[in-house]
């Protein structure tokens, strides 16, 4: 299992790339890859916790022969809960009955959703089903590296020491995400720019927009989560804690964008744009108060 921060640029590589020679798509992406992978790992962890709480919020989780239910909602081949979670987070999500996959959904950024009736990776099954712990790391599936978080799903009618009845998972295909970023960077090449420096700066801004989008998705997810928690009443208290953590992750994502912008301005000799742009980014993503009753302004 590889480290989540692999692929970091060499010391001084970003500076020399920006001011000395044209930057390739990979070089621009690698410059912020460590930040991106950190945020992706945090997002998968938050999403898998949220998914587990959402399922329990639907009602008691229980198994009836080969069917998994949350209250009266059948989770096998679910087409309601999982697609909404996937769209809101920009990740792929799965539900397992034991170690057999019974439902999955994904979005373009996260890569293709795996087929149902498949089985969990051996390392994930060992960690989650046998050790009753949450798995966080990287797994290679069909030759492609995925960032994955997976946690146990316990039945309401059985004690936790009995063992989980299944698992919930969030994932992102790193190569699919990288391909999308690279394609976006190539589109930026057609923008009007006077010289290589301005073109490189435009590319960097494109990458930062991706991180900005992560912050917006997290805030939207926190907002919708608060709506569900408010509807659940006392049963939604734990859900509010998760929403607060999602909001905190969104704030951290905005801070990451600010750090990259300041670094870019330092390399280009522009000292006046970072603060203004950070203010605009902060204005775009409104903070969500987990204790306030939210109003549904947008559906995930």
Protein backbone atom coordinates (compact mmCIF):
# COMPACT_ATOMS: atom_id res chain seq x y z
CA UNK A 1 0.00 0.00 0.00
CA UNK A 2 1.62 3.22 -1.12
CA UNK A 3 1.92 6.49 0.71
CA UNK A 4 -0.77 9.07 0.02
CA UNK A 5 1.71 11.84 -0.61
CA UNK A 6 3.74 10.23 -3.38
CA UNK A 7 4.54 12.12 -6.56
CA UNK A 8 5.71 15.30 -4.84
CA UNK A 9 7.86 17.69 -6.92
CA UNK A 10 11.60 18.04 -6.49
CA UNK A 11 12.91 20.88 -4.32
CA UNK A 12 12.69 24.13 -6.23
CA UNK A 13 11.01 22.46 -9.22
CA UNK A 14 7.95 24.72 -9.24
CA UNK A 15 9.98 27.91 -9.10
CA UNK A 16 12.29 26.97 -11.96
CA UNK A 17 9.34 25.69 -13.98
CA UNK A 18 7.44 28.94 -13.65
CA UNK A 19 10.24 31.39 -14.37
CA UNK A 20 12.85 29.52 -16.39
CA UNK A 21 11.13 27.26 -18.89
CA UNK A 22 7.68 26.23 -20.15
CA UNK A 23 5.81 23.95 -17.77
CA UNK A 24 4.30 20.65 -18.91
CA UNK A 25 0.82 19.60 -17.79
CA UNK A 26 2.32 17.01 -15.43
CA UNK A 27 4.74 19.51 -13.87
CA UNK A 28 1.95 21.95 -13.04
CA UNK A 29 -0.19 19.18 -11.57
CA UNK A 30 2.69 17.69 -9.58
CA UNK A 31 3.37 21.10 -8.06
CA UNK A 32 0.17 20.87 -6.02
CA UNK A 33 -0.26 17.06 -6.05
CA UNK A 34 0.64 16.64 -2.39
CA UNK A 35 -2.03 19.18 -1.41
CA UNK A 36 -4.60 17.56 -3.69
CA UNK A 37 -3.97 14.03 -2.37
CA UNK A 38 -4.17 15.21 1.24
CA UNK A 39 -7.54 16.82 0.59
CA UNK A 40 -8.78 13.75 -1.29
CA UNK A 41 -7.79 11.48 1.62
CA UNK A 42 -9.57 13.78 4.07
CA UNK A 43 -12.61 13.92 1.81
CA UNK A 44 -12.87 10.12 1.51
CA UNK A 45 -12.65 9.75 5.30
CA UNK A 46 -15.33 12.39 5.90
CA UNK A 47 -17.56 10.94 3.18
CA UNK A 48 -17.44 7.35 4.46
CA UNK A 49 -18.31 8.56 7.97
CA UNK A 50 -21.16 10.63 6.57
CA UNK A 51 -22.48 7.72 4.48
CA UNK A 52 -22.54 5.44 7.51
CA UNK A 53 -24.46 8.03 9.55
CA UNK A 54 -26.91 8.66 6.70
CA UNK A 55 -27.73 4.94 6.44
CA UNK A 56 -28.27 4.62 10.17
CA UNK A 57 -30.38 7.78 10.01
CA UNK A 58 -32.77 6.06 7.60
CA UNK A 59 -33.61 3.49 10.25
CA UNK A 60 -32.20 0.37 11.91
CA UNK A 61 -29.67 -1.37 9.67
CA UNK A 62 -30.44 -5.07 9.40
CA UNK A 63 -29.90 -8.06 7.15
CA UNK A 64 -32.68 -10.24 5.81
CA UNK A 65 -31.10 -13.18 4.03
CA UNK A 66 -29.35 -11.62 1.00
CA UNK A 67 -30.90 -8.16 1.42
CA UNK A 68 -29.52 -5.26 3.48
CA UNK A 69 -31.98 -2.68 4.76
CA UNK A 70 -31.82 0.67 6.54
CA UNK A 71 -35.25 0.98 8.08
CA UNK A 72 -37.58 0.00 5.23
CA UNK A 73 -35.14 1.24 2.56
CA UNK A 74 -33.53 -1.58 0.55
CA UNK A 75 -29.83 -0.84 0.07
CA UNK A 76 -29.19 -3.48 -2.59
CA UNK A 77 -28.76 -1.65 -5.92
CA UNK A 78 -29.63 1.66 -4.22
CA UNK A 79 -30.28 4.52 -6.68
CA UNK A 80 -31.33 7.20 -4.20
CA UNK A 81 -28.84 7.70 -1.36
CA UNK A 82 -25.56 6.77 -3.07
CA UNK A 83 -25.92 8.95 -6.20
CA UNK A 84 -26.66 12.01 -4.06
CA UNK A 85 -23.65 11.39 -1.84
CA UNK A 86 -21.44 10.84 -4.91
CA UNK A 87 -22.58 14.08 -6.59
CA UNK A 88 -22.20 16.14 -3.42
CA UNK A 89 -18.69 14.89 -2.62
CA UNK A 90 -17.25 14.23 -6.08
CA UNK A 91 -16.34 10.70 -4.99
CA UNK A 92 -17.40 7.14 -5.71
CA UNK A 93 -19.27 5.32 -2.93
CA UNK A 94 -20.15 1.66 -2.33
CA UNK A 95 -22.14 -0.48 0.10
CA UNK A 96 -21.15 -4.06 0.95
CA UNK A 97 -23.14 -6.89 2.49
CA UNK A 98 -20.36 -8.78 4.21
CA UNK A 99 -17.52 -8.47 1.68
CA UNK A 100 -19.86 -8.56 -1.35
CA UNK A 101 -20.61 -5.26 -3.09
CA UNK A 102 -24.37 -4.70 -3.35
CA UNK A 103 -24.56 -1.05 -4.50
CA UNK A 104 -22.25 1.56 -5.99
CA UNK A 105 -22.34 5.03 -7.53
CA UNK A 106 -19.71 7.42 -8.83
CA UNK A 107 -19.06 10.63 -10.74
CA UNK A 108 -16.69 11.40 -13.60
CA UNK A 109 -14.02 12.92 -11.35
CA UNK A 110 -13.79 9.76 -9.21
CA UNK A 111 -13.65 7.15 -11.97
CA UNK A 112 -15.99 4.34 -12.89
CA UNK A 113 -18.20 2.72 -10.25
CA UNK A 114 -17.26 -0.94 -9.71
CA UNK A 115 -19.80 -3.60 -10.63
CA UNK A 116 -22.14 -4.94 -7.98
CA UNK A 117 -21.76 -8.56 -6.87
CA UNK A 118 -18.00 -8.07 -6.82
CA UNK A 119 -15.96 -8.56 -3.66
CA UNK A 120 -13.92 -6.23 -1.49
CA UNK A 121 -10.13 -6.20 -1.66
CA UNK A 122 -8.54 -8.67 0.75
CA UNK A 123 -6.71 -5.96 2.74
CA UNK A 124 -9.89 -3.92 3.16
CA UNK A 125 -11.93 -6.96 4.22
CA UNK A 126 -9.26 -7.95 6.75
CA UNK A 127 -9.10 -4.44 8.26
CA UNK A 128 -12.81 -3.66 8.29
CA UNK A 129 -14.63 -6.98 8.72
CA UNK A 130 -12.17 -8.89 10.88
CA UNK A 131 -10.45 -6.12 12.84
CA UNK A 132 -13.54 -3.85 12.96
CA UNK A 133 -11.42 -0.84 12.03
CA UNK A 134 -11.65 1.87 9.36
CA UNK A 135 -9.36 1.42 6.35
CA UNK A 136 -7.72 4.53 4.91
CA UNK A 137 -5.11 4.28 2.18
CA UNK A 138 -4.40 3.39 -1.43
CA UNK A 139 -5.42 0.21 -3.23
CA UNK A 140 -4.66 -0.84 -6.80
CA UNK A 141 -7.74 -2.00 -8.68
CA UNK A 142 -7.44 -3.27 -12.25
CA UNK A 143 -4.05 -1.63 -12.56
CA UNK A 144 -5.26 1.80 -11.36
CA UNK A 145 -4.42 3.35 -7.98
CA UNK A 146 -7.42 4.38 -5.86
CA UNK A 147 -7.57 6.46 -2.68
CA UNK A 148 -10.04 4.59 -0.46
CA UNK A 149 -11.70 4.91 2.94
CA UNK A 150 -13.90 2.06 4.20
CA UNK A 151 -15.59 1.56 7.57
CA UNK A 152 -17.69 -1.18 9.20
CA UNK A 153 -21.48 -1.11 9.00
CA UNK A 154 -23.03 -2.67 12.10
CA UNK A 155 -26.56 -4.05 12.36
CA UNK A 156 -28.87 -2.39 14.85
CA UNK A 157 -30.15 -5.68 16.24
CA UNK A 158 -26.73 -7.15 17.03
CA UNK A 159 -23.95 -6.00 19.41
CA UNK A 160 -20.85 -4.54 17.77
CA UNK A 161 -18.66 -7.35 19.13
CA UNK A 162 -20.78 -9.71 16.99
CA UNK A 163 -19.14 -8.17 13.95
CA UNK A 164 -20.17 -5.82 11.14
CA UNK A 165 -22.95 -6.86 8.79
CA UNK A 166 -21.25 -5.03 5.93
CA UNK A 167 -19.13 -2.04 4.92
CA UNK A 168 -19.45 1.43 3.41
CA UNK A 169 -16.72 2.79 1.14
CA UNK A 170 -15.67 6.04 -0.56
CA UNK A 171 -13.05 6.07 -3.31
CA UNK A 172 -11.34 8.14 -6.00
CA UNK A 173 -9.43 6.81 -9.03
CA UNK A 174 -6.25 8.89 -9.04
CA UNK A 175 -5.61 8.42 -12.76
CA UNK A 176 -9.16 9.45 -13.70
CA UNK A 177 -8.83 12.58 -11.58
CA UNK A 178 -5.42 13.35 -13.04
CA UNK A 179 -6.72 12.91 -16.59
CA UNK A 180 -9.51 15.41 -15.96
CA UNK A 181 -7.11 17.97 -14.50
CA UNK A 182 -4.70 17.49 -17.41
CA UNK A 183 -7.50 17.97 -19.94
CA UNK A 184 -8.56 21.14 -18.18
CA UNK A 185 -4.98 22.42 -18.21
CA UNK A 186 -4.76 21.80 -21.93
CA UNK A 187 -7.89 23.85 -22.47
CA UNK A 188 -6.15 26.72 -20.71
CA UNK A 189 -3.48 26.68 -23.41
CA UNK A 190 -5.95 28.27 -25.81
CA UNK A 191 -6.43 31.31 -23.58
CA UNK A 192 -4.84 34.58 -24.65
CA UNK A 193 -1.53 35.09 -22.84
CA UNK A 194 1.54 37.19 -23.55
CA UNK A 195 4.47 34.82 -23.04
CA UNK A 196 5.03 31.53 -21.29
CA UNK A 197 4.87 33.04 -17.79
CA UNK A 198 1.25 34.14 -18.17
CA UNK A 199 0.28 30.78 -19.70
CA UNK A 200 1.86 28.95 -16.78
CA UNK A 201 0.06 31.20 -14.31
CA UNK A 202 -3.25 30.48 -16.07
CA UNK A 203 -2.58 26.76 -15.73
CA UNK A 204 -1.86 27.11 -12.04
CA UNK A 205 -5.09 29.06 -11.56
CA UNK A 206 -6.96 26.18 -13.20
CA UNK A 207 -5.55 23.70 -10.70
CA UNK A 208 -6.46 26.01 -7.83
CA UNK A 209 -10.02 26.16 -9.14
CA UNK A 210 -10.20 22.39 -8.62
CA UNK A 211 -9.25 22.81 -4.96
CA UNK A 212 -11.78 25.64 -4.67
CA UNK A 213 -14.39 23.26 -6.05
CA UNK A 214 -13.55 20.75 -3.32
CA UNK A 215 -14.29 23.42 -0.69
CA UNK A 216 -17.60 24.28 -2.32
CA UNK A 217 -18.62 20.61 -2.52
CA UNK A 218 -17.81 20.10 1.16
CA UNK A 219 -19.80 23.16 2.21
CA UNK A 220 -22.73 22.00 0.11
CA UNK A 221 -22.52 18.55 1.67
CA UNK A 222 -22.46 20.07 5.17
CA UNK A 223 -25.50 22.18 4.30
CA UNK A 224 -27.51 19.22 3.03
CA UNK A 225 -26.34 17.15 6.00
CA UNK A 226 -27.66 19.78 8.40
CA UNK A 227 -31.00 19.67 6.62
CA UNK A 228 -31.18 15.89 7.13
CA UNK A 229 -30.05 16.26 10.76
CA UNK A 230 -32.75 18.86 11.43
CA UNK A 231 -35.37 16.54 9.99
CA UNK A 232 -34.10 13.65 12.12
CA UNK A 233 -34.48 15.58 15.38
CA UNK A 234 -32.66 14.01 18.33
CA UNK A 235 -31.41 11.19 16.11
CA UNK A 236 -29.51 13.76 14.02
CA UNK A 237 -27.22 15.03 16.78
CA UNK A 238 -24.29 12.82 15.77
CA UNK A 239 -24.92 13.82 12.18
CA UNK A 240 -24.33 17.49 13.10
CA UNK A 241 -20.87 16.63 14.40
CA UNK A 242 -19.99 15.10 11.03
CA UNK A 243 -21.32 18.19 9.25
CA UNK A 244 -19.16 20.41 11.43
CA UNK A 245 -16.09 18.39 10.45
CA UNK A 246 -17.02 18.70 6.77
CA UNK A 247 -17.25 22.46 7.18
CA UNK A 248 -13.81 22.46 8.83
CA UNK A 249 -12.38 20.50 5.88
CA UNK A 250 -13.84 23.09 3.52
CA UNK A 251 -12.08 25.84 5.48
CA UNK A 252 -8.81 23.90 5.25
CA UNK A 253 -9.26 23.57 1.49
CA UNK A 254 -9.70 27.33 1.19
CA UNK A 255 -6.53 27.82 3.22
CA UNK A 256 -4.68 25.47 0.86
CA UNK A 257 -5.78 27.58 -2.11
CA UNK A 258 -4.54 30.67 -0.33
CA UNK A 259 -1.13 29.06 0.26
CA UNK A 260 -0.75 28.07 -3.39
CA UNK A 261 -1.80 31.54 -4.59
CA UNK A 262 0.74 33.20 -2.33
CA UNK A 263 3.42 30.83 -3.57
CA UNK A 264 2.53 31.59 -7.18
CA UNK A 265 2.56 35.35 -6.52
CA UNK A 266 5.97 35.06 -4.87
CA UNK A 267 7.38 33.37 -7.97
CA UNK A 268 5.82 35.85 -10.37
CA UNK A 269 6.61 38.96 -8.30
CA UNK A 270 2.93 39.84 -7.83
CA UNK A 271 2.29 40.84 -4.22
CA UNK A 272 -1.14 42.38 -4.52
CA UNK A 273 -3.45 39.74 -5.93
CA UNK A 274 -3.40 36.96 -3.36
CA UNK A 275 -5.39 38.68 -0.62
CA UNK A 276 -8.05 39.92 -2.99
CA UNK A 277 -8.49 36.57 -4.66
CA UNK A 278 -8.67 34.79 -1.30
CA UNK A 279 -11.42 37.16 -0.23
CA UNK A 280 -13.35 36.35 -3.40
CA UNK A 281 -12.93 32.61 -2.82
CA UNK A 282 -14.13 32.99 0.75
CA UNK A 283 -17.15 34.94 -0.44
CA UNK A 284 -18.03 32.21 -2.94
CA UNK A 285 -18.09 29.50 -0.26
CA UNK A 286 -20.37 30.46 2.60
CA UNK A 287 -19.63 28.91 6.01
CA UNK A 288 -22.34 26.69 7.43
CA UNK A 289 -23.32 26.89 11.08
CA UNK A 290 -23.97 23.28 12.18
CA UNK A 291 -26.18 24.48 15.05
CA UNK A 292 -28.41 26.67 12.90
CA UNK A 293 -31.47 25.44 11.07
CA UNK A 294 -30.36 25.50 7.41
CA UNK A 295 -32.52 26.45 4.49
CA UNK A 296 -32.30 24.16 1.41
CA UNK A 297 -30.97 26.48 -1.26
CA UNK A 298 -29.55 23.82 -3.56
CA UNK A 299 -29.97 20.08 -3.94
CA UNK A 300 -26.88 17.89 -4.07
